Amino acid sequence: MSSPVKSVLAAAISLISIGAHAATITVDTNLGAAGGQVSNIKVLEWDASPVLAVGGNQAVINYLNWATVGGALNPVNPYAAPTAEGVTNDVNGNPILGYSFEVYSHGILGSFTGGTGAIAGLNSTYQITYEFGYTEIMYEATRSAITGNGTANFDFAKVQTVNYFNIYLDNLSSGTAANLGLGTGFADGTLVFSGNILPVENEPHVSNFQTSGQTPGAATDPLNTQSLCGSSKSCVTTSSLGPLETVTGTGSTTAFDLMIMPVTLNPAFWVSGLDSLLVDNISQTLAFSSSQPSEVVAGFVPDIGSVNGQVLSGAACQDRSLFCGSPDIMFQTDTNSPVDRTVPEPGTLALFGIALAGLGFSRFRKV
């Protein structure tokens, strides 16, 4: 049964979708100076970028170890029970120990869909970047004893230990452009947006990743790994992590939309205002094909070992009967942010604000 707060939130979103109209937005890349406006924006198209799951690989390993020692059938199983699909916390409302992890990313705006005006200066005279973090939880994983292939399923965690989405505007005549390889320069511009991340109500929030292309264990390279930056075995990249090996695979996340609700807005940038952003068409890919890994992601140095995403067993682990490996995993992601969201009537917006307040998130304020 859903909570009263979630019921109010669902009702608010339903009313918004009924009694509202679609809108594009206008931004001012000069923050009030002449010649900087970009109008008729429908979508913010972000370039492909890295996503770091801090503790994500460890969560998979924890699940496999729980299953290995008997799972729910073993009354003395030393590992915490994993969550069922859609259930992201224990009876006290806390994340199940060992299965929740934090997801961080940063990226660069590549283009505006529908934008007109000062778009020629994007990434030449000015740059728009983002940085985000939120909490996911792993609820199921498998691994083939023959090929080493595995699957992992994730959900948006009901209890968020970290949750933010920030957008920055950087004047490149006086500032420093973001460096994807080093992972620097993504949060050194003017903060024009800060928000909280919420799953879209009544949509499935399940994300998954499946490794692929692996060969039987007797082969020379049973994982069929390749370098992180995408070219088989070797590649040229500005990141020191590029030459490291990675498992290969893809994630299916097309139904995993996230809504970004503003907490602070810079009105000099958002000329027309902004009700919300979406993060959708989320993809996960290994190896990197149209981006490269970053040496630092949102302040975190990745701990991915010599093979990103590898799950070890046997003699490689202290306990040969269990699985082990490095705690983090880094993916390439490619996403966009539609902004032609419905504009709610005043009454429905107030109701929506009440729902957000009940969820522990603040309504936006201008800065």
Protein backbone atom coordinates (compact mmCIF):
# COMPACT_ATOMS: atom_id res chain seq x y z
CA MET A 1 0.00 0.00 0.00
CA SER A 2 1.37 3.41 -0.90
CA SER A 3 2.00 6.03 1.75
CA PRO A 4 -0.24 9.15 2.04
CA VAL A 5 2.64 11.30 0.80
CA LYS A 6 3.17 9.17 -2.30
CA SER A 7 -0.58 9.17 -2.92
CA VAL A 8 -0.62 12.97 -2.80
CA LEU A 9 2.38 13.06 -5.14
CA ALA A 10 0.68 10.71 -7.58
CA ALA A 11 -2.50 12.78 -7.48
CA ALA A 12 -0.54 15.98 -8.02
CA ILE A 13 1.28 14.60 -11.05
CA SER A 14 -2.03 13.35 -12.48
CA LEU A 15 -3.61 16.79 -12.05
CA ILE A 16 -0.59 18.46 -13.61
CA SER A 17 -0.81 16.23 -16.66
CA ILE A 18 -4.52 17.01 -17.06
CA GLY A 19 -4.74 20.74 -16.34
CA ALA A 20 -1.58 22.09 -17.93
CA HIS A 21 0.12 23.05 -21.17
CA ALA A 22 3.50 22.21 -22.66
CA ALA A 23 6.18 24.88 -22.77
CA THR A 24 9.67 25.47 -24.09
CA ILE A 25 12.20 27.53 -22.15
CA THR A 26 14.62 30.41 -22.70
CA VAL A 27 18.04 30.72 -21.05
CA ASP A 28 20.54 33.59 -21.02
CA THR A 29 24.13 32.41 -21.37
CA ASN A 30 25.40 35.95 -20.64
CA LEU A 31 23.37 36.20 -17.40
CA GLY A 32 21.66 39.42 -18.42
CA ALA A 33 24.18 40.84 -20.88
CA ALA A 34 23.16 41.39 -24.49
CA GLY A 35 23.24 38.63 -27.09
CA GLY A 36 23.22 35.60 -24.83
CA GLN A 37 19.66 34.31 -25.01
CA VAL A 38 18.78 30.88 -26.39
CA SER A 39 15.03 30.41 -26.82
CA ASN A 40 12.56 27.66 -27.80
CA ILE A 41 14.59 24.98 -25.99
CA LYS A 42 12.82 21.63 -25.76
CA VAL A 43 15.64 19.30 -24.69
CA LEU A 44 19.09 19.67 -23.16
CA GLU A 45 21.20 17.12 -25.07
CA TRP A 46 24.09 15.99 -22.88
CA ASP A 47 27.21 14.44 -24.40
CA ALA A 48 28.10 10.85 -23.49
CA SER A 49 29.84 10.80 -20.13
CA PRO A 50 31.08 8.50 -17.35
CA VAL A 51 28.96 7.28 -14.44
CA LEU A 52 30.68 5.94 -11.34
CA ALA A 53 28.81 3.52 -9.09
CA VAL A 54 30.64 3.82 -5.76
CA GLY A 55 30.19 0.41 -4.18
CA GLY A 56 28.14 -0.85 -7.13
CA ASN A 57 30.38 -3.82 -7.92
CA GLN A 58 30.59 -4.67 -4.22
CA ALA A 59 26.79 -4.77 -4.04
CA VAL A 60 26.77 -7.38 -6.82
CA ILE A 61 29.46 -9.39 -5.05
CA ASN A 62 27.52 -9.24 -1.77
CA TYR A 63 24.42 -10.63 -3.47
CA LEU A 64 26.35 -13.46 -5.14
CA ASN A 65 27.93 -14.37 -1.81
CA TRP A 66 24.52 -14.32 -0.10
CA ALA A 67 23.20 -16.71 -2.75
CA THR A 68 26.32 -18.88 -2.62
CA VAL A 69 26.02 -19.71 1.07
CA GLY A 70 22.40 -20.77 0.73
CA GLY A 71 20.45 -17.54 0.49
CA ALA A 72 17.11 -17.54 2.28
CA LEU A 73 17.31 -21.34 2.70
CA ASN A 74 20.26 -21.05 5.08
CA PRO A 75 19.11 -19.86 8.54
CA VAL A 76 22.69 -18.94 9.53
CA ASN A 77 23.54 -17.05 6.34
CA PRO A 78 26.07 -14.39 7.48
CA TYR A 79 25.10 -12.00 4.70
CA ALA A 80 22.19 -9.56 4.86
CA ALA A 81 19.13 -10.58 2.89
CA PRO A 82 18.81 -8.75 -0.44
CA THR A 83 15.72 -6.73 -1.26
CA ALA A 84 12.85 -7.81 -3.44
CA GLU A 85 12.08 -5.81 -6.58
CA GLY A 86 10.62 -2.47 -5.64
CA VAL A 87 11.46 -2.84 -1.95
CA THR A 88 14.48 -0.70 -1.21
CA ASN A 89 14.74 -0.66 2.58
CA ASP A 90 14.28 -2.76 5.68
CA VAL A 91 11.31 -2.61 8.06
CA ASN A 92 12.83 0.42 9.78
CA GLY A 93 13.15 2.36 6.56
CA ASN A 94 16.93 1.93 6.25
CA PRO A 95 18.78 0.68 3.14
CA ILE A 96 19.71 -2.98 3.38
CA LEU A 97 23.38 -3.00 4.40
CA GLY A 98 25.67 -3.89 1.53
CA TYR A 99 23.18 -3.50 -1.31
CA SER A 100 22.72 0.25 -1.61
CA PHE A 101 25.36 2.30 -3.41
CA GLU A 102 25.85 5.83 -4.67
CA VAL A 103 25.87 6.85 -8.34
CA TYR A 104 27.82 9.90 -9.47
CA SER A 105 28.30 11.53 -12.85
CA HIS A 106 29.36 14.72 -14.59
CA GLY A 107 28.90 15.83 -18.17
CA ILE A 108 28.88 18.55 -20.79
CA LEU A 109 25.94 19.94 -22.76
CA GLY A 110 26.43 19.08 -26.41
CA SER A 111 23.45 20.83 -27.98
CA PHE A 112 19.98 22.31 -27.51
CA THR A 113 17.05 20.66 -29.25
CA GLY A 114 14.88 23.42 -30.70
CA GLY A 115 17.16 26.18 -29.44
CA THR A 116 17.57 29.42 -31.38
CA GLY A 117 19.83 32.37 -30.62
CA ALA A 118 23.29 32.19 -29.08
CA ILE A 119 23.78 28.48 -29.72
CA ALA A 120 26.91 29.02 -31.85
CA GLY A 121 28.87 29.91 -28.71
CA LEU A 122 28.15 26.62 -26.91
CA ASN A 123 31.48 25.01 -25.95
CA SER A 124 33.42 27.81 -27.64
CA THR A 125 32.59 30.96 -25.66
CA TYR A 126 30.56 29.31 -22.89
CA GLN A 127 30.03 25.81 -21.52
CA ILE A 128 27.16 24.22 -19.57
CA THR A 129 28.01 21.28 -17.34
CA TYR A 130 26.27 19.12 -14.75
CA GLU A 131 27.22 17.04 -11.75
CA PHE A 132 24.86 14.69 -9.92
CA GLY A 133 24.67 12.01 -7.28
CA TYR A 134 21.88 9.76 -6.00
CA THR A 135 21.39 6.41 -4.30
CA GLU A 136 20.47 3.13 -6.00
CA ILE A 137 20.03 -0.34 -4.59
CA MET A 138 20.90 -3.73 -6.11
CA TYR A 139 18.24 -6.39 -5.63
CA GLU A 140 19.26 -9.28 -7.88
CA ALA A 141 22.39 -10.63 -9.58
CA THR A 142 23.48 -13.77 -11.43
CA ARG A 143 26.80 -15.10 -12.71
CA SER A 144 27.47 -18.02 -15.04
CA ALA A 145 30.01 -20.51 -13.73
CA ILE A 146 30.85 -21.42 -17.34
CA THR A 147 31.31 -18.09 -19.10
CA GLY A 148 31.60 -15.63 -16.23
CA ASN A 149 28.75 -13.61 -17.75
CA GLY A 150 26.52 -11.88 -15.26
CA THR A 151 23.42 -9.75 -14.84
CA ALA A 152 22.52 -7.22 -12.18
CA ASN A 153 19.24 -5.41 -11.51
CA PHE A 154 18.99 -2.08 -9.70
CA ASP A 155 16.29 0.23 -8.37
CA PHE A 156 16.10 3.84 -7.20
CA ALA A 157 16.61 3.58 -3.45
CA LYS A 158 13.69 4.61 -1.30
CA VAL A 159 16.13 6.01 1.26
CA GLN A 160 18.50 8.47 -0.43
CA THR A 161 21.86 8.87 1.32
CA VAL A 162 22.97 11.36 -1.36
CA ASN A 163 20.73 13.19 -3.82
CA TYR A 164 21.52 16.26 -5.93
CA PHE A 165 21.65 17.50 -9.52
CA ASN A 166 23.60 20.72 -10.23
CA ILE A 167 24.04 22.65 -13.48
CA TYR A 168 26.84 25.19 -14.03
CA LEU A 169 27.49 27.91 -16.62
CA ASP A 170 31.15 28.63 -17.39
CA ASN A 171 32.36 31.67 -19.35
CA LEU A 172 35.28 30.18 -21.30
CA SER A 173 36.95 33.57 -21.83
CA SER A 174 37.69 33.73 -18.11
CA GLY A 175 37.05 30.19 -16.89
CA THR A 176 38.47 26.74 -17.56
CA ALA A 177 36.70 24.22 -19.77
CA ALA A 178 35.78 20.87 -18.28
CA ASN A 179 38.35 18.12 -18.85
CA LEU A 180 36.66 14.75 -19.29
CA GLY A 181 39.83 12.67 -18.94
CA LEU A 182 40.96 14.33 -15.70
CA GLY A 183 37.41 14.81 -14.43
CA THR A 184 38.02 18.47 -13.59
CA GLY A 185 36.21 21.74 -14.35
CA PHE A 186 32.64 20.45 -14.15
CA ALA A 187 31.65 22.39 -11.02
CA ASP A 188 33.78 25.55 -11.22
CA GLY A 189 31.36 27.78 -13.15
CA THR A 190 28.35 29.75 -11.93
CA LEU A 191 25.77 27.49 -10.28
CA VAL A 192 22.54 28.16 -12.19
CA PHE A 193 20.49 25.18 -11.01
CA SER A 194 20.42 22.83 -8.06
CA GLY A 195 17.75 20.20 -7.63
CA ASN A 196 16.66 16.91 -6.14
CA ILE A 197 16.21 13.69 -8.09
CA LEU A 198 12.93 11.77 -7.87
CA PRO A 199 11.69 8.71 -9.75
CA VAL A 200 8.75 9.45 -12.00
CA GLU A 201 5.61 8.22 -10.27
CA ASN A 202 3.83 5.20 -11.81
CA GLU A 203 6.81 4.36 -14.03
CA PRO A 204 9.03 1.32 -13.49
CA HIS A 205 12.37 2.35 -12.02
CA VAL A 206 14.26 -0.84 -12.67
CA SER A 207 17.63 -0.63 -14.38
CA ASN A 208 19.81 -3.56 -15.37
CA PHE A 209 23.22 -4.38 -16.77
CA GLN A 210 24.33 -7.56 -18.52
CA THR A 211 27.87 -8.50 -19.43
CA SER A 212 28.30 -10.07 -22.84
CA GLY A 213 30.77 -11.44 -25.35
CA GLN A 214 32.57 -13.62 -22.86
CA THR A 215 34.05 -16.96 -23.81
CA PRO A 216 34.32 -20.30 -21.95
CA GLY A 217 36.61 -20.39 -18.91
CA ALA A 218 39.29 -22.43 -20.66
CA ALA A 219 40.01 -19.60 -23.11
CA THR A 220 43.08 -17.38 -22.76
CA ASP A 221 40.89 -14.39 -21.90
CA PRO A 222 37.70 -15.80 -20.33
CA LEU A 223 36.23 -12.35 -19.77
CA ASN A 224 36.98 -11.20 -23.34
CA THR A 225 37.88 -7.83 -21.85
CA GLN A 226 38.99 -4.74 -23.69
CA SER A 227 40.33 -1.38 -22.64
CA LEU A 228 37.95 1.03 -20.92
CA CYS A 229 38.24 3.69 -23.60
CA GLY A 230 36.71 1.41 -26.16
CA SER A 231 39.31 0.17 -28.62
CA SER A 232 40.12 -3.51 -28.28
CA LYS A 233 43.13 -4.04 -25.98
CA SER A 234 44.67 -0.59 -26.49
CA CYS A 235 43.53 2.94 -27.17
CA VAL A 236 44.50 6.60 -27.05
CA THR A 237 42.87 8.62 -24.26
CA THR A 238 43.67 11.56 -22.02
CA SER A 239 42.57 9.55 -18.97
CA SER A 240 45.08 7.35 -17.17
CA LEU A 241 42.22 4.86 -16.68
CA GLY A 242 41.68 4.41 -20.41
CA PRO A 243 44.16 1.55 -20.91
CA LEU A 244 42.72 -0.48 -18.01
CA GLU A 245 40.67 -3.51 -18.93
CA THR A 246 36.90 -3.72 -18.49
CA VAL A 247 34.19 -6.30 -18.82
CA THR A 248 31.89 -5.62 -21.76
CA GLY A 249 28.13 -5.23 -21.75
CA THR A 250 25.09 -2.98 -21.92
CA GLY A 251 22.31 -1.82 -19.65
CA SER A 252 18.64 -1.41 -20.46
CA THR A 253 17.33 1.73 -18.78
CA THR A 254 14.84 3.24 -21.24
CA ALA A 255 12.01 3.08 -18.69
CA PHE A 256 14.15 4.50 -15.90
CA ASP A 257 13.15 8.16 -16.08
CA LEU A 258 14.13 10.48 -13.26
CA MET A 259 12.55 13.87 -12.52
CA ILE A 260 14.76 16.73 -11.35
CA MET A 261 12.83 19.17 -9.16
CA PRO A 262 14.47 22.60 -8.69
CA VAL A 263 15.65 23.71 -5.27
CA THR A 264 17.48 26.85 -6.43
CA LEU A 265 17.28 28.64 -9.79
CA ASN A 266 19.37 31.54 -11.06
CA PRO A 267 16.73 33.82 -12.67
CA ALA A 268 19.36 35.60 -14.75
CA PHE A 269 19.93 32.30 -16.57
CA TRP A 270 16.42 30.77 -16.62
CA VAL A 271 14.70 33.69 -18.33
CA SER A 272 11.40 31.86 -18.70
CA GLY A 273 11.65 29.99 -15.42
CA LEU A 274 11.72 26.21 -15.10
CA ASP A 275 9.34 23.73 -13.50
CA SER A 276 11.39 20.54 -13.79
CA LEU A 277 13.83 18.56 -15.87
CA LEU A 278 13.80 14.91 -16.81
CA VAL A 279 16.73 12.56 -17.14
CA ASP A 280 15.65 9.98 -19.69
CA ASN A 281 16.87 7.67 -22.45
CA ILE A 282 19.50 6.57 -19.95
CA SER A 283 21.96 4.06 -21.37
CA GLN A 284 24.85 2.13 -19.86
CA THR A 285 27.69 0.80 -22.01
CA LEU A 286 30.99 -0.95 -21.50
CA ALA A 287 33.48 -0.43 -22.96
CA PHE A 288 33.32 3.34 -23.57
CA SER A 289 32.56 4.03 -27.22
CA SER A 290 31.79 7.76 -27.57
CA SER A 291 33.26 9.12 -24.34
CA GLN A 292 36.10 8.21 -22.01
CA PRO A 293 36.49 7.38 -18.32
CA SER A 294 37.36 10.17 -15.88
CA GLU A 295 40.14 9.93 -13.31
CA VAL A 296 37.86 11.69 -10.81
CA VAL A 297 34.03 11.75 -10.89
CA ALA A 298 32.24 14.32 -8.72
CA GLY A 299 35.18 14.30 -6.32
CA PHE A 300 35.51 10.50 -6.13
CA VAL A 301 38.59 8.61 -7.34
CA PRO A 302 37.31 5.35 -8.88
CA ASP A 303 38.40 2.11 -7.18
CA ILE A 304 37.87 -0.27 -10.10
CA GLY A 305 41.00 -2.40 -9.88
CA SER A 306 42.82 -3.65 -12.98
CA VAL A 307 39.61 -4.90 -14.64
CA ASN A 308 36.53 -2.67 -14.31
CA GLY A 309 33.45 -4.64 -13.25
CA GLN A 310 35.28 -7.91 -12.74
CA VAL A 311 33.90 -10.43 -10.24
CA LEU A 312 36.60 -12.84 -9.08
CA SER A 313 36.28 -16.30 -7.53
CA GLY A 314 38.42 -19.22 -6.41
CA ALA A 315 42.12 -18.67 -5.71
CA ALA A 316 41.83 -14.92 -6.39
CA CYS A 317 39.68 -14.50 -3.25
CA GLN A 318 40.66 -14.89 0.39
CA ASP A 319 37.75 -17.27 0.82
CA ARG A 320 37.93 -19.51 -2.26
CA SER A 321 34.27 -20.49 -1.90
CA LEU A 322 33.06 -16.88 -2.31
CA PHE A 323 33.33 -14.03 -4.78
CA CYS A 324 35.44 -10.89 -4.50
CA GLY A 325 36.61 -7.89 -6.53
CA SER A 326 37.06 -4.13 -6.51
CA PRO A 327 34.13 -2.18 -5.02
CA ASP A 328 33.35 0.36 -7.76
CA ILE A 329 32.34 0.15 -11.42
CA MET A 330 32.36 2.86 -14.08
CA PHE A 331 30.02 2.98 -17.10
CA GLN A 332 29.54 5.18 -20.11
CA THR A 333 26.11 6.78 -20.15
CA ASP A 334 24.31 8.89 -22.73
CA THR A 335 21.20 10.78 -21.70
CA ASN A 336 19.16 13.91 -22.31
CA SER A 337 16.93 16.22 -20.30
CA PRO A 338 13.57 17.21 -21.81
CA VAL A 339 12.42 20.59 -20.52
CA ASP A 340 9.14 20.95 -22.43
CA ARG A 341 7.37 19.70 -19.35
CA THR A 342 3.77 20.54 -18.58
CA VAL A 343 3.22 23.85 -16.80
CA PRO A 344 0.85 23.22 -13.87
CA GLU A 345 -2.00 25.46 -12.88
CA PRO A 346 -1.32 27.30 -9.57
CA GLY A 347 -3.49 24.96 -7.53
CA THR A 348 -1.84 21.80 -8.81
CA LEU A 349 1.62 23.29 -8.34
CA ALA A 350 0.77 23.99 -4.68
CA LEU A 351 -0.41 20.41 -4.25
CA PHE A 352 2.78 19.16 -5.86
CA GLY A 353 4.81 21.30 -3.44
CA ILE A 354 2.98 19.75 -0.50
CA ALA A 355 3.85 16.29 -1.78
CA LEU A 356 7.51 17.18 -2.21
CA ALA A 357 7.66 18.67 1.28
CA GLY A 358 6.30 15.42 2.66
CA LEU A 359 9.02 13.51 0.85
CA GLY A 360 11.67 15.64 2.51
CA PHE A 361 12.53 17.78 -0.52
CA SER A 362 12.36 21.59 -0.55
CA ARG A 363 10.50 23.58 -3.17
CA PHE A 364 12.73 25.69 -5.34
CA ARG A 365 13.79 29.20 -4.48
CA LYS A 366 15.48 31.76 -6.69
CA VAL A 367 19.04 32.84 -5.98
